[in-house]
């Protein structure tokens, strides 16, 4: 007898099995999430995100409490103006801690110190540029690093106590400083006059510890006080600089205008001028005396607007105090990229906002604008002449070696520019104007080689393409072709000869009375195609700029790009500047000193 089969229990369905797998997966994910959430790494990431996107009063108080006792507040030089019945005071500066000698700063100090010596390799320049960019782009935070050796200060001890090392250490303080971002500050305007209450403002510093605000008051302020809200021991004061609403003001650039920086020179020389050389070696003769007379004799406020970064404010301010330059305000720009670009990139647009602000803050004042030929001061000031033609009194541009000519003919080019400027006033003879002797030119190794057509490795089409003006482009091509063909007997133009005189059409009767028929006109020669305007006389040779120039070595053409660009600029001055705006170049401050004084007397 067979055993009966036991009933088979039904297995789980597909849906049940899928649900079980999903539940197991969910439990594993939740366990992993709980473990991750409790990990220190996750907590640090969460805190960082909350600090960036959530900034309430409690968090601000916690951050402010971290302001150390060695923090410092630096106030930039600003001014107070009277507008619409009240005094408006600009307050600008930053709060920071002295830098620490960690590994990064030690490396920077060592590299900059090497730059102060001769025969520095280009790799060292590139390395210090990279380190400086990293320090400015990613400044140290408030907390000292674990590898801190000492605090950077003018009185700190160092293994190298040479004067050069001390100079570099002092210059680097602004770059190596530790920023204090998002900390509250209290600003108060005090007055020597009796007032019912003092006015001020509260604000937070930005991501790099800087602040900038305009505070209005009904009373005339005497000095400004800025202090940390949660650490009142950190405070700084500065006298209020009240400027009248009428008169003549001076706006001037800094680099290569009042201070030798070397924007047009080698990077190594630029670094030496900024970080290593003594201030006395960077002074431009007679400029301080000129600005002192404008300030104290003719009562002109002096405003400095530069493309340099705020991180070298201590260098800029220290130089001005050393040489005795009068200062009413200094406006630099916030660093946001390449360090060399802070000095060498076109600055017309970067300066625009600061320049326009000065004109709008003092709508009833006239301005003398001083700059140099190394940057785009001409373009920046041309915008001001266009926007505020009645406020610009004069524009004075300092001439620099290497700025006017690509071939080293700066003196010759400047004479041509002076002749063009003479068109603004035909009554004056520019040739009779005597200028101070020009400074010695740069060494030959720094001037570079002119762009000559005898170099077969160059493509002359690239030279023509650098011309900005279509008119200059056409003139260049026309001159190049004409000069090339004039030295060769193998090439002749194939332009059509003059057409013969036309014989007037007559009626049939008149033709019948004619004794001899009119001669038939000669056949018109076939015109060349556009691709062959000039055809070779000998079929064995082909036309080439480089070949033809090589066959005629006496014609050494060198295209001067800088010259053509400067001629365009000066022609713009002649055609666009109002006749009452005085425009001059100067090698020495004595070239324009008397002209500036006369312009002020005329304006008054």
Protein backbone atom coordinates (compact mmCIF):
# COMPACT_ATOMS: atom_id res chain seq x y z
CA UNK A 1 0.00 0.00 0.00
CA UNK A 2 1.46 3.27 -1.13
CA UNK A 3 1.99 6.07 1.39
CA UNK A 4 -0.21 9.00 0.67
CA UNK A 5 1.68 12.17 -0.45
CA UNK A 6 2.04 14.91 2.07
CA UNK A 7 0.48 18.18 0.94
CA UNK A 8 3.08 20.67 -0.29
CA UNK A 9 2.86 24.03 1.36
CA UNK A 10 2.49 26.82 -1.16
CA UNK A 11 5.72 28.94 -1.53
CA UNK A 12 5.86 32.74 -1.39
CA UNK A 13 4.68 34.53 -4.47
CA UNK A 14 6.89 36.72 -6.64
CA UNK A 15 5.43 39.86 -5.08
CA UNK A 16 6.18 38.61 -1.58
CA UNK A 17 9.75 37.75 -2.46
CA UNK A 18 10.28 41.18 -4.05
CA UNK A 19 8.79 42.90 -0.99
CA UNK A 20 11.14 40.95 1.30
CA UNK A 21 14.19 41.97 -0.73
CA UNK A 22 13.11 45.60 -0.74
CA UNK A 23 12.57 45.65 3.00
CA UNK A 24 16.00 44.15 3.57
CA UNK A 25 17.53 46.79 1.31
CA UNK A 26 15.73 49.58 3.12
CA UNK A 27 16.95 48.31 6.50
CA UNK A 28 20.52 48.15 5.23
CA UNK A 29 20.32 51.69 3.76
CA UNK A 30 18.84 53.10 6.99
CA UNK A 31 21.55 51.40 9.08
CA UNK A 32 24.23 52.81 6.77
CA UNK A 33 22.63 56.26 6.94
CA UNK A 34 22.51 56.18 10.74
CA UNK A 35 26.15 55.16 10.89
CA UNK A 36 27.15 57.87 8.42
CA UNK A 37 25.08 60.52 10.18
CA UNK A 38 26.87 59.87 13.44
CA UNK A 39 30.33 59.94 11.84
CA UNK A 40 32.57 63.00 12.45
CA UNK A 41 33.05 63.49 8.70
CA UNK A 42 29.31 63.84 8.05
CA UNK A 43 28.92 66.22 10.96
CA UNK A 44 31.74 68.46 9.68
CA UNK A 45 30.23 68.60 6.19
CA UNK A 46 26.78 69.42 7.59
CA UNK A 47 28.19 72.19 9.77
CA UNK A 48 30.06 73.74 6.85
CA UNK A 49 26.93 73.77 4.68
CA UNK A 50 24.86 75.33 7.45
CA UNK A 51 27.46 78.03 8.02
CA UNK A 52 27.38 78.93 4.34
CA UNK A 53 23.60 79.05 3.92
CA UNK A 54 22.25 79.74 7.41
CA UNK A 55 23.57 82.83 9.16
CA UNK A 56 21.35 83.78 12.10
CA UNK A 57 22.16 86.05 15.03
CA UNK A 58 23.13 83.19 17.32
CA UNK A 59 25.62 81.84 14.82
CA UNK A 60 26.98 85.34 14.21
CA UNK A 61 27.56 85.74 17.93
CA UNK A 62 29.40 82.41 18.07
CA UNK A 63 31.64 83.39 15.17
CA UNK A 64 32.27 86.85 16.58
CA UNK A 65 33.32 85.39 19.89
CA UNK A 66 36.21 83.76 18.04
CA UNK A 67 37.84 87.12 17.21
CA UNK A 68 41.23 86.83 18.93
CA UNK A 69 42.88 89.52 20.98
CA UNK A 70 45.62 90.04 18.40
CA UNK A 71 43.11 91.05 15.70
CA UNK A 72 43.60 94.44 14.04
CA UNK A 73 41.33 96.83 12.17
CA UNK A 74 42.81 98.72 9.23
CA UNK A 75 40.96 101.81 7.99
CA UNK A 76 41.59 102.92 4.42
CA UNK A 77 41.91 106.62 3.66
CA UNK A 78 38.53 107.98 2.60
CA UNK A 79 36.66 111.30 2.61
CA UNK A 80 33.48 113.06 3.76
CA UNK A 81 31.36 115.14 1.38
CA UNK A 82 28.44 117.52 1.95
CA UNK A 83 25.42 116.67 -0.17
CA UNK A 84 21.71 117.49 0.10
CA UNK A 85 22.03 119.12 3.50
CA UNK A 86 23.97 116.33 5.24
CA UNK A 87 27.49 115.00 5.58
CA UNK A 88 28.15 111.63 3.94
CA UNK A 89 31.24 109.76 5.21
CA UNK A 90 32.76 106.77 3.43
CA UNK A 91 34.12 104.16 5.85
CA UNK A 92 36.23 101.38 4.37
CA UNK A 93 38.76 98.90 5.72
CA UNK A 94 39.32 95.33 6.89
CA UNK A 95 39.82 93.29 10.06
CA UNK A 96 42.53 90.65 10.23
CA UNK A 97 45.08 88.85 12.38
CA UNK A 98 48.84 88.88 11.75
CA UNK A 99 49.93 86.05 9.49
CA UNK A 100 51.64 82.98 10.86
CA UNK A 101 54.83 81.41 9.55
CA UNK A 102 53.37 78.13 8.38
CA UNK A 103 54.89 76.06 5.61
CA UNK A 104 53.15 77.97 2.85
CA UNK A 105 54.18 81.41 4.12
CA UNK A 106 57.73 80.26 4.74
CA UNK A 107 57.93 79.11 1.14
CA UNK A 108 56.58 82.44 -0.09
CA UNK A 109 59.02 84.42 2.00
CA UNK A 110 61.90 82.33 0.73
CA UNK A 111 60.88 82.75 -2.91
CA UNK A 112 60.34 86.50 -2.66
CA UNK A 113 63.69 86.83 -0.91
CA UNK A 114 65.34 85.03 -3.82
CA UNK A 115 63.73 87.48 -6.22
CA UNK A 116 65.64 90.31 -4.60
CA UNK A 117 68.86 88.79 -5.88
CA UNK A 118 70.27 88.84 -9.40
CA UNK A 119 70.16 86.01 -11.96
CA UNK A 120 66.78 84.70 -10.85
CA UNK A 121 65.39 81.93 -13.03
CA UNK A 122 62.01 82.18 -14.69
CA UNK A 123 60.88 79.05 -12.82
CA UNK A 124 61.32 80.92 -9.53
CA UNK A 125 59.17 83.77 -10.83
CA UNK A 126 56.43 81.36 -11.89
CA UNK A 127 56.57 79.58 -8.54
CA UNK A 128 56.29 82.75 -6.45
CA UNK A 129 53.46 83.96 -8.68
CA UNK A 130 51.58 80.71 -8.08
CA UNK A 131 52.14 80.89 -4.31
CA UNK A 132 51.00 84.51 -4.13
CA UNK A 133 47.90 83.77 -6.17
CA UNK A 134 47.03 80.90 -3.84
CA UNK A 135 47.47 83.10 -0.76
CA UNK A 136 45.26 85.86 -2.16
CA UNK A 137 42.61 83.53 -3.53
CA UNK A 138 42.53 81.29 -0.43
CA UNK A 139 43.56 83.46 2.55
CA UNK A 140 44.19 81.89 5.92
CA UNK A 141 41.23 81.73 8.29
CA UNK A 142 41.16 82.86 11.90
CA UNK A 143 42.51 79.68 13.46
CA UNK A 144 46.30 79.26 13.43
CA UNK A 145 47.66 76.27 11.56
CA UNK A 146 49.12 73.31 13.38
CA UNK A 147 52.52 73.90 11.83
CA UNK A 148 52.74 77.49 12.98
CA UNK A 149 56.25 78.55 13.88
CA UNK A 150 55.78 82.21 14.73
CA UNK A 151 53.61 85.21 14.05
CA UNK A 152 54.60 87.55 11.26
CA UNK A 153 55.13 91.08 12.53
CA UNK A 154 57.57 93.89 12.05
CA UNK A 155 59.14 93.16 15.40
CA UNK A 156 59.32 89.38 15.18
CA UNK A 157 62.67 87.67 15.23
CA UNK A 158 63.89 85.65 12.28
CA UNK A 159 66.87 83.54 11.42
CA UNK A 160 67.64 86.01 8.63
CA UNK A 161 67.86 89.55 10.00
CA UNK A 162 69.27 91.20 6.87
CA UNK A 163 67.70 94.52 5.81
CA UNK A 164 66.41 92.93 2.59
CA UNK A 165 64.68 90.16 4.53
CA UNK A 166 63.11 92.67 6.95
CA UNK A 167 61.79 94.72 4.03
CA UNK A 168 60.23 91.70 2.36
CA UNK A 169 58.71 90.51 5.65
CA UNK A 170 57.04 93.88 6.24
CA UNK A 171 55.76 94.10 2.66
CA UNK A 172 54.22 90.61 2.83
CA UNK A 173 52.13 91.25 5.95
CA UNK A 174 49.00 92.19 4.01
CA UNK A 175 49.19 89.08 1.84
CA UNK A 176 49.91 86.61 4.65
CA UNK A 177 47.33 88.11 7.05
CA UNK A 178 44.59 85.83 8.38
CA UNK A 179 41.18 87.19 7.47
CA UNK A 180 38.20 87.38 9.86
CA UNK A 181 35.05 87.00 7.75
CA UNK A 182 31.44 87.54 8.78
CA UNK A 183 32.18 89.32 12.03
CA UNK A 184 30.03 92.26 13.28
CA UNK A 185 31.54 95.73 13.58
CA UNK A 186 30.29 98.95 15.12
CA UNK A 187 30.95 102.30 13.35
CA UNK A 188 30.53 105.63 15.13
CA UNK A 189 31.00 109.19 13.82
CA UNK A 190 32.29 111.57 16.48
CA UNK A 191 32.27 115.36 16.26
CA UNK A 192 34.10 118.18 18.01
CA UNK A 193 30.88 120.17 17.88
CA UNK A 194 28.19 119.58 20.47
CA UNK A 195 25.54 117.17 19.20
CA UNK A 196 22.44 115.63 20.71
CA UNK A 197 23.41 112.10 19.68
CA UNK A 198 26.13 110.37 17.75
CA UNK A 199 25.33 108.49 14.57
CA UNK A 200 26.90 105.37 13.13
CA UNK A 201 26.14 101.95 11.72
CA UNK A 202 26.50 98.22 12.39
CA UNK A 203 27.59 95.77 9.72
CA UNK A 204 29.23 92.41 9.06
CA UNK A 205 32.49 92.00 7.22
CA UNK A 206 32.48 90.11 3.93
CA UNK A 207 34.12 86.79 3.10
CA UNK A 208 37.64 88.28 3.23
CA UNK A 209 37.12 90.44 6.32
CA UNK A 210 36.61 93.70 4.39
CA UNK A 211 33.88 96.33 4.85
CA UNK A 212 32.71 99.41 2.98
CA UNK A 213 29.80 101.68 3.88
CA UNK A 214 28.63 105.30 3.57
CA UNK A 215 27.23 106.87 6.75
CA UNK A 216 25.15 110.08 6.65
CA UNK A 217 25.00 112.54 9.55
CA UNK A 218 23.43 115.92 10.13
CA UNK A 219 26.59 117.15 11.90
CA UNK A 220 30.13 117.55 10.60
CA UNK A 221 32.18 114.52 11.75
CA UNK A 222 35.63 114.98 13.22
CA UNK A 223 36.84 111.39 13.42
CA UNK A 224 35.64 107.84 12.77
CA UNK A 225 35.73 104.92 15.20
CA UNK A 226 35.36 101.25 14.21
CA UNK A 227 35.31 98.45 16.80
CA UNK A 228 34.46 94.77 17.07
CA UNK A 229 31.02 94.18 18.58
CA UNK A 230 31.94 91.14 20.70
CA UNK A 231 35.52 92.13 21.39
CA UNK A 232 35.45 95.87 22.16
CA UNK A 233 39.19 95.88 22.76
CA UNK A 234 39.68 95.61 18.99
CA UNK A 235 39.12 99.20 17.81
CA UNK A 236 40.59 101.75 15.42
CA UNK A 237 40.04 105.48 14.84
CA UNK A 238 40.78 107.83 11.98
CA UNK A 239 40.24 111.52 11.38
CA UNK A 240 37.38 112.51 9.09
CA UNK A 241 38.52 114.18 5.87
CA UNK A 242 35.85 116.69 4.86
CA UNK A 243 36.17 117.95 1.25
CA UNK A 244 34.34 121.03 0.01
CA UNK A 245 31.77 120.80 -2.74
CA UNK A 246 33.53 123.27 -5.08
CA UNK A 247 37.07 123.70 -6.36
CA UNK A 248 39.60 121.61 -8.30
CA UNK A 249 40.52 118.01 -7.42
CA UNK A 250 43.24 115.71 -8.71
CA UNK A 251 42.78 112.04 -9.63
CA UNK A 252 45.97 110.10 -10.28
CA UNK A 253 47.08 106.55 -10.95
CA UNK A 254 49.79 104.99 -8.76
CA UNK A 255 51.84 102.37 -10.64
CA UNK A 256 54.39 104.04 -12.94
CA UNK A 257 52.66 107.40 -12.44
CA UNK A 258 53.75 108.39 -8.93
CA UNK A 259 55.74 105.23 -8.15
CA UNK A 260 58.11 103.15 -10.30
CA UNK A 261 56.49 99.71 -10.55
CA UNK A 262 57.68 98.44 -13.93
CA UNK A 263 54.40 97.24 -15.41
CA UNK A 264 55.92 97.19 -18.91
CA UNK A 265 59.11 95.45 -17.80
CA UNK A 266 60.06 91.95 -16.78
CA UNK A 267 58.07 90.13 -14.07
CA UNK A 268 61.19 89.79 -11.96
CA UNK A 269 61.72 93.54 -11.95
CA UNK A 270 58.07 94.13 -11.08
CA UNK A 271 58.30 91.82 -8.05
CA UNK A 272 61.51 93.50 -6.91
CA UNK A 273 59.96 96.97 -7.16
CA UNK A 274 56.89 95.95 -5.18
CA UNK A 275 58.30 93.64 -2.51
CA UNK A 276 62.07 94.11 -2.25
CA UNK A 277 63.39 97.51 -3.32
CA UNK A 278 63.60 100.42 -0.92
CA UNK A 279 60.99 103.12 -1.38
CA UNK A 280 63.70 105.64 -2.25
CA UNK A 281 64.62 103.57 -5.34
CA UNK A 282 61.03 103.65 -6.62
CA UNK A 283 60.42 107.39 -6.28
CA UNK A 284 59.79 109.39 -9.47
CA UNK A 285 61.66 112.71 -9.24
CA UNK A 286 59.65 115.89 -8.64
CA UNK A 287 56.26 114.15 -8.61
CA UNK A 288 55.87 114.51 -4.84
CA UNK A 289 56.79 118.21 -5.06
CA UNK A 290 54.24 118.72 -7.85
CA UNK A 291 51.40 117.08 -5.91
CA UNK A 292 52.38 118.90 -2.71
CA UNK A 293 52.01 122.23 -4.49
CA UNK A 294 48.66 121.18 -5.93
CA UNK A 295 47.48 120.17 -2.46
CA UNK A 296 48.82 122.88 -0.17
CA UNK A 297 49.25 125.89 -2.46
CA UNK A 298 46.24 125.43 -4.73
CA UNK A 299 44.08 123.46 -2.23
CA UNK A 300 43.41 120.48 -4.53
CA UNK A 301 42.37 117.20 -2.88
CA UNK A 302 44.45 114.28 -4.20
CA UNK A 303 42.65 110.99 -4.95
CA UNK A 304 44.55 107.84 -5.95
CA UNK A 305 42.75 105.22 -8.07
CA UNK A 306 44.80 102.15 -8.95
CA UNK A 307 44.45 98.64 -10.36
CA UNK A 308 46.55 97.18 -7.51
CA UNK A 309 44.90 94.76 -5.03
CA UNK A 310 43.87 95.82 -1.53
CA UNK A 311 46.24 93.20 -0.10
CA UNK A 312 49.21 95.50 -0.82
CA UNK A 313 47.57 98.59 0.72
CA UNK A 314 50.27 98.64 3.39
CA UNK A 315 52.93 98.91 0.64
CA UNK A 316 51.08 101.68 -1.20
CA UNK A 317 50.36 103.69 1.94
CA UNK A 318 53.89 103.19 3.27
CA UNK A 319 55.43 104.48 0.04
CA UNK A 320 53.24 107.58 0.03
CA UNK A 321 54.14 108.41 3.62
CA UNK A 322 57.83 107.87 2.89
CA UNK A 323 58.08 110.18 -0.14
CA UNK A 324 55.62 112.74 1.21
CA UNK A 325 52.75 112.31 -1.23
CA UNK A 326 49.59 114.09 -0.02
CA UNK A 327 46.63 111.71 0.23
CA UNK A 328 42.91 112.38 0.50
CA UNK A 329 41.70 108.95 -0.57
CA UNK A 330 43.06 105.67 -1.94
CA UNK A 331 40.93 103.35 -4.03
CA UNK A 332 42.34 99.95 -4.96
CA UNK A 333 40.43 96.89 -6.18
CA UNK A 334 39.50 93.58 -4.66
CA UNK A 335 41.79 90.80 -5.82
CA UNK A 336 39.98 88.09 -7.77
CA UNK A 337 42.42 86.20 -9.95
CA UNK A 338 45.91 86.44 -11.35
CA UNK A 339 48.40 88.49 -9.33
CA UNK A 340 50.31 89.78 -12.33
CA UNK A 341 47.00 90.66 -13.94
CA UNK A 342 46.33 92.96 -10.99
CA UNK A 343 49.14 95.15 -12.34
CA UNK A 344 49.22 94.40 -16.06
CA UNK A 345 45.69 93.61 -17.28
CA UNK A 346 43.69 96.42 -18.90
CA UNK A 347 42.37 98.56 -16.11
CA UNK A 348 39.98 100.98 -17.82
CA UNK A 349 36.86 99.02 -16.89
CA UNK A 350 38.16 98.04 -13.44
CA UNK A 351 38.79 101.67 -12.57
CA UNK A 352 35.57 102.91 -14.10
CA UNK A 353 33.31 102.57 -11.05
CA UNK A 354 35.78 104.26 -8.68
CA UNK A 355 36.40 107.11 -11.11
CA UNK A 356 32.74 107.73 -11.81
CA UNK A 357 31.99 107.70 -8.06
CA UNK A 358 34.40 110.59 -7.50
CA UNK A 359 32.75 112.66 -10.23
CA UNK A 360 29.27 111.96 -8.89
CA UNK A 361 30.29 112.62 -5.29
CA UNK A 362 31.58 116.07 -6.30
CA UNK A 363 29.41 117.24 -9.22
CA UNK A 364 30.48 120.88 -8.80
CA UNK A 365 34.24 120.27 -8.77
CA UNK A 366 36.71 120.30 -11.69
CA UNK A 367 39.24 117.49 -12.06
CA UNK A 368 42.83 117.13 -13.25
CA UNK A 369 43.51 113.55 -14.36
CA UNK A 370 47.06 112.15 -14.15
CA UNK A 371 48.10 108.76 -15.52
CA UNK A 372 50.75 106.96 -17.53
CA UNK A 373 51.18 105.40 -20.96
CA UNK A 374 51.80 101.91 -19.60
CA UNK A 375 48.21 100.98 -18.82
CA UNK A 376 44.84 102.10 -20.21
CA UNK A 377 44.67 105.41 -18.40
CA UNK A 378 44.02 107.20 -21.71
CA UNK A 379 40.96 105.02 -22.34
CA UNK A 380 39.74 105.30 -18.75
CA UNK A 381 40.02 109.09 -18.78
CA UNK A 382 38.44 109.31 -22.26
CA UNK A 383 35.30 107.77 -20.76
CA UNK A 384 35.26 110.47 -18.09
CA UNK A 385 35.69 113.23 -20.68
CA UNK A 386 32.72 111.80 -22.57
CA UNK A 387 30.52 111.41 -19.47
CA UNK A 388 31.57 114.60 -17.65
CA UNK A 389 32.96 117.00 -20.30
CA UNK A 390 32.41 120.11 -18.17
CA UNK A 391 34.21 118.68 -15.12
CA UNK A 392 37.48 117.55 -16.74
CA UNK A 393 40.05 120.33 -16.66
CA UNK A 394 43.19 118.55 -17.93
CA UNK A 395 44.65 115.11 -18.71
CA UNK A 396 48.40 114.53 -18.18
CA UNK A 397 49.92 111.21 -19.29
CA UNK A 398 53.42 110.21 -18.20
CA UNK A 399 55.54 108.90 -21.09
CA UNK A 400 57.32 105.58 -20.51
CA UNK A 401 60.11 103.91 -22.44
CA UNK A 402 58.69 101.01 -24.41
CA UNK A 403 55.11 102.27 -24.32
CA UNK A 404 54.91 104.10 -27.66
CA UNK A 405 56.93 101.95 -30.06
CA UNK A 406 57.37 98.24 -30.69
CA UNK A 407 60.72 98.98 -32.34
CA UNK A 408 62.29 101.10 -29.60
CA UNK A 409 61.59 104.45 -31.32
CA UNK A 410 59.67 105.99 -28.41
CA UNK A 411 61.21 109.45 -28.78
CA UNK A 412 60.49 109.60 -32.51
CA UNK A 413 56.91 108.35 -32.07
CA UNK A 414 56.22 110.80 -29.25
CA UNK A 415 57.30 113.68 -31.48
CA UNK A 416 54.78 112.53 -34.09
CA UNK A 417 52.08 112.37 -31.43
CA UNK A 418 52.96 115.88 -30.28
CA UNK A 419 52.56 117.09 -33.87
CA UNK A 420 49.10 115.51 -34.02
CA UNK A 421 48.13 117.13 -30.72
CA UNK A 422 49.20 120.50 -32.14
CA UNK A 423 46.18 120.27 -34.46
CA UNK A 424 43.97 121.02 -31.46
CA UNK A 425 45.48 124.51 -31.28
CA UNK A 426 46.99 125.63 -34.59
CA UNK A 427 48.29 128.84 -33.01
CA UNK A 428 50.89 126.94 -30.99
CA UNK A 429 53.99 125.41 -32.54
CA UNK A 430 54.59 122.01 -30.97
CA UNK A 431 58.13 121.93 -32.33
CA UNK A 432 59.16 124.83 -30.14
CA UNK A 433 58.05 123.02 -26.99
CA UNK A 434 61.06 121.76 -25.03
CA UNK A 435 60.78 118.70 -22.84
CA UNK A 436 63.02 117.39 -20.14
CA UNK A 437 65.58 114.75 -21.22
CA UNK A 438 64.03 111.32 -21.36
CA UNK A 439 65.18 108.64 -18.95
CA UNK A 440 67.67 106.11 -20.33
CA UNK A 441 66.00 103.29 -22.28
CA UNK A 442 65.66 99.76 -21.04
CA UNK A 443 68.52 97.32 -21.67
CA UNK A 444 68.54 95.79 -25.12
CA UNK A 445 67.69 92.36 -23.75
CA UNK A 446 64.40 93.69 -22.39
CA UNK A 447 63.36 95.59 -25.52
CA UNK A 448 62.85 92.59 -27.78
CA UNK A 449 63.40 92.41 -31.50
CA UNK A 450 61.42 94.48 -34.02
CA UNK A 451 59.04 92.68 -36.30
CA UNK A 452 60.88 92.68 -39.67
CA UNK A 453 59.76 91.18 -42.91
CA UNK A 454 63.28 89.82 -43.61
CA UNK A 455 62.57 87.06 -41.13
CA UNK A 456 61.15 84.31 -43.28
CA UNK A 457 59.71 82.54 -40.23
CA UNK A 458 57.19 85.33 -39.70
CA UNK A 459 53.85 85.49 -41.47
CA UNK A 460 53.20 89.08 -42.52
CA UNK A 461 49.50 88.48 -42.69
CA UNK A 462 49.48 88.20 -38.90
CA UNK A 463 50.99 91.68 -38.68
CA UNK A 464 48.28 93.13 -40.89
CA UNK A 465 45.58 91.38 -38.90
CA UNK A 466 46.70 93.13 -35.71
CA UNK A 467 45.54 96.47 -37.07
CA UNK A 468 42.32 97.51 -35.45
CA UNK A 469 41.23 100.19 -37.89
CA UNK A 470 39.97 99.03 -41.31
CA UNK A 471 41.40 102.19 -42.82
CA UNK A 472 44.86 101.48 -41.43
CA UNK A 473 44.50 97.90 -42.63
CA UNK A 474 43.90 99.02 -46.21
CA UNK A 475 46.72 101.57 -46.08
CA UNK A 476 49.13 98.94 -44.77
CA UNK A 477 48.37 96.48 -47.55
CA UNK A 478 48.59 99.20 -50.19
CA UNK A 479 51.95 100.43 -48.90
CA UNK A 480 53.34 96.89 -48.55
CA UNK A 481 52.48 95.94 -52.12
CA UNK A 482 53.71 99.24 -53.51
CA UNK A 483 57.04 99.05 -51.70
CA UNK A 484 57.54 95.44 -52.72
CA UNK A 485 56.90 95.94 -56.42
CA UNK A 486 58.88 99.17 -56.67
CA UNK A 487 62.11 97.25 -56.04
CA UNK A 488 61.64 94.56 -58.67
CA UNK A 489 61.82 94.59 -62.44
CA UNK A 490 60.22 91.17 -62.72
CA UNK A 491 56.73 92.33 -61.80
CA UNK A 492 54.57 94.77 -63.71
CA UNK A 493 51.03 95.91 -62.93
CA UNK A 494 48.31 94.62 -65.21
CA UNK A 495 45.92 97.50 -64.71
CA UNK A 496 44.04 98.34 -67.90
CA UNK A 497 45.56 101.24 -69.90
CA UNK A 498 43.57 104.44 -70.38
CA UNK A 499 40.62 103.98 -72.70
CA UNK A 500 40.85 105.70 -76.15
CA UNK A 501 38.80 108.75 -76.88
CA UNK A 502 35.30 107.92 -77.87
CA UNK A 503 34.08 108.69 -81.37
CA UNK A 504 30.72 110.39 -81.22
CA UNK A 505 27.85 108.56 -82.88
CA UNK A 506 26.46 110.24 -85.96
CA UNK A 507 23.42 109.68 -88.15
CA UNK A 508 23.56 107.70 -91.36
CA UNK A 509 23.57 110.90 -93.48
CA UNK A 510 26.56 112.28 -91.69
CA UNK A 511 28.35 109.00 -92.10
CA UNK A 512 27.78 109.01 -95.83
CA UNK A 513 29.41 112.42 -96.12
CA UNK A 514 32.51 111.30 -94.26
CA UNK A 515 35.53 110.93 -96.48
CA UNK A 516 37.26 108.29 -94.34
CA UNK A 517 35.75 105.97 -91.79
CA UNK A 518 36.69 106.33 -88.09
CA UNK A 519 39.37 103.94 -86.93
CA UNK A 520 38.12 101.03 -84.90
CA UNK A 521 39.06 101.17 -81.19
CA UNK A 522 41.83 98.88 -79.99
CA UNK A 523 40.80 95.75 -78.12
CA UNK A 524 40.40 96.20 -74.39
CA UNK A 525 42.94 94.04 -72.54
CA UNK A 526 41.58 91.29 -70.33
CA UNK A 527 41.54 92.34 -66.69
CA UNK A 528 43.18 90.01 -64.19
CA UNK A 529 41.12 88.04 -61.72
CA UNK A 530 40.78 89.20 -58.10
CA UNK A 531 43.19 86.51 -56.95
CA UNK A 532 45.96 87.84 -59.23
CA UNK A 533 45.96 91.59 -59.12
CA UNK A 534 49.64 91.64 -60.09
CA UNK A 535 50.94 88.98 -62.48
CA UNK A 536 54.57 87.95 -62.84
CA UNK A 537 56.37 89.10 -65.96
CA UNK A 538 58.32 85.85 -65.98
CA UNK A 539 56.26 82.64 -65.71
CA UNK A 540 59.11 80.92 -63.90
CA UNK A 541 58.73 83.06 -60.77
CA UNK A 542 55.89 83.33 -58.29
CA UNK A 543 54.87 86.32 -56.20
CA UNK A 544 55.73 86.23 -52.48
CA UNK A 545 56.12 88.93 -49.85
CA UNK A 546 58.93 87.11 -48.07
CA UNK A 547 60.83 86.24 -51.25
CA UNK A 548 60.52 89.68 -52.71
CA UNK A 549 61.66 91.36 -49.52
CA UNK A 550 64.62 89.01 -49.27
CA UNK A 551 65.69 90.04 -52.78
CA UNK A 552 65.67 93.69 -51.77
CA UNK A 553 67.51 93.91 -48.42
CA UNK A 554 67.57 97.70 -48.51
CA UNK A 555 63.83 97.74 -47.80
CA UNK A 556 63.68 96.47 -44.22
CA UNK A 557 60.09 97.04 -43.25
CA UNK A 558 59.25 96.85 -39.55
CA UNK A 559 55.62 97.27 -38.55
CA UNK A 560 55.23 99.31 -35.34
CA UNK A 561 51.96 98.20 -33.80
CA UNK A 562 52.21 100.34 -30.68
CA UNK A 563 52.82 103.43 -32.78
CA UNK A 564 49.68 102.87 -34.86
CA UNK A 565 47.56 102.28 -31.76
CA UNK A 566 48.86 105.44 -30.11
CA UNK A 567 48.17 107.45 -33.24
CA UNK A 568 44.57 106.24 -33.09
CA UNK A 569 44.35 107.29 -29.45
CA UNK A 570 45.74 110.75 -30.08
CA UNK A 571 43.52 111.30 -33.13
CA UNK A 572 40.61 110.46 -30.85
CA UNK A 573 41.79 113.14 -28.43
CA UNK A 574 41.97 115.69 -31.26
CA UNK A 575 38.52 114.85 -32.60
CA UNK A 576 36.57 114.10 -29.40
CA UNK A 577 38.05 116.13 -26.53
CA UNK A 578 36.55 119.56 -25.92
CA UNK A 579 39.06 122.31 -26.81
CA UNK A 580 39.16 123.56 -23.22
CA UNK A 581 40.46 120.20 -21.91
CA UNK A 582 44.27 120.37 -21.75
CA UNK A 583 45.93 117.11 -22.88
CA UNK A 584 49.70 116.65 -22.55
CA UNK A 585 52.39 114.00 -22.35
CA UNK A 586 55.21 114.37 -19.83
CA UNK A 587 58.56 112.71 -19.24
CA UNK A 588 59.25 114.80 -16.14
CA UNK A 589 56.78 116.46 -13.79
CA UNK A 590 58.36 119.81 -14.69
CA UNK A 591 56.96 119.40 -18.22
CA UNK A 592 53.36 119.92 -17.04
CA UNK A 593 53.74 121.51 -13.63
CA UNK A 594 53.21 125.10 -14.74
CA UNK A 595 50.47 124.05 -17.15
CA UNK A 596 48.52 122.46 -14.30
CA UNK A 597 48.85 125.58 -12.17
CA UNK A 598 47.64 127.75 -15.04
CA UNK A 599 44.66 125.46 -15.61
CA UNK A 600 43.63 125.81 -11.95
CA UNK A 601 43.90 129.61 -12.10
CA UNK A 602 41.78 129.66 -15.25
CA UNK A 603 39.12 127.45 -13.64
CA UNK A 604 38.91 129.71 -10.60
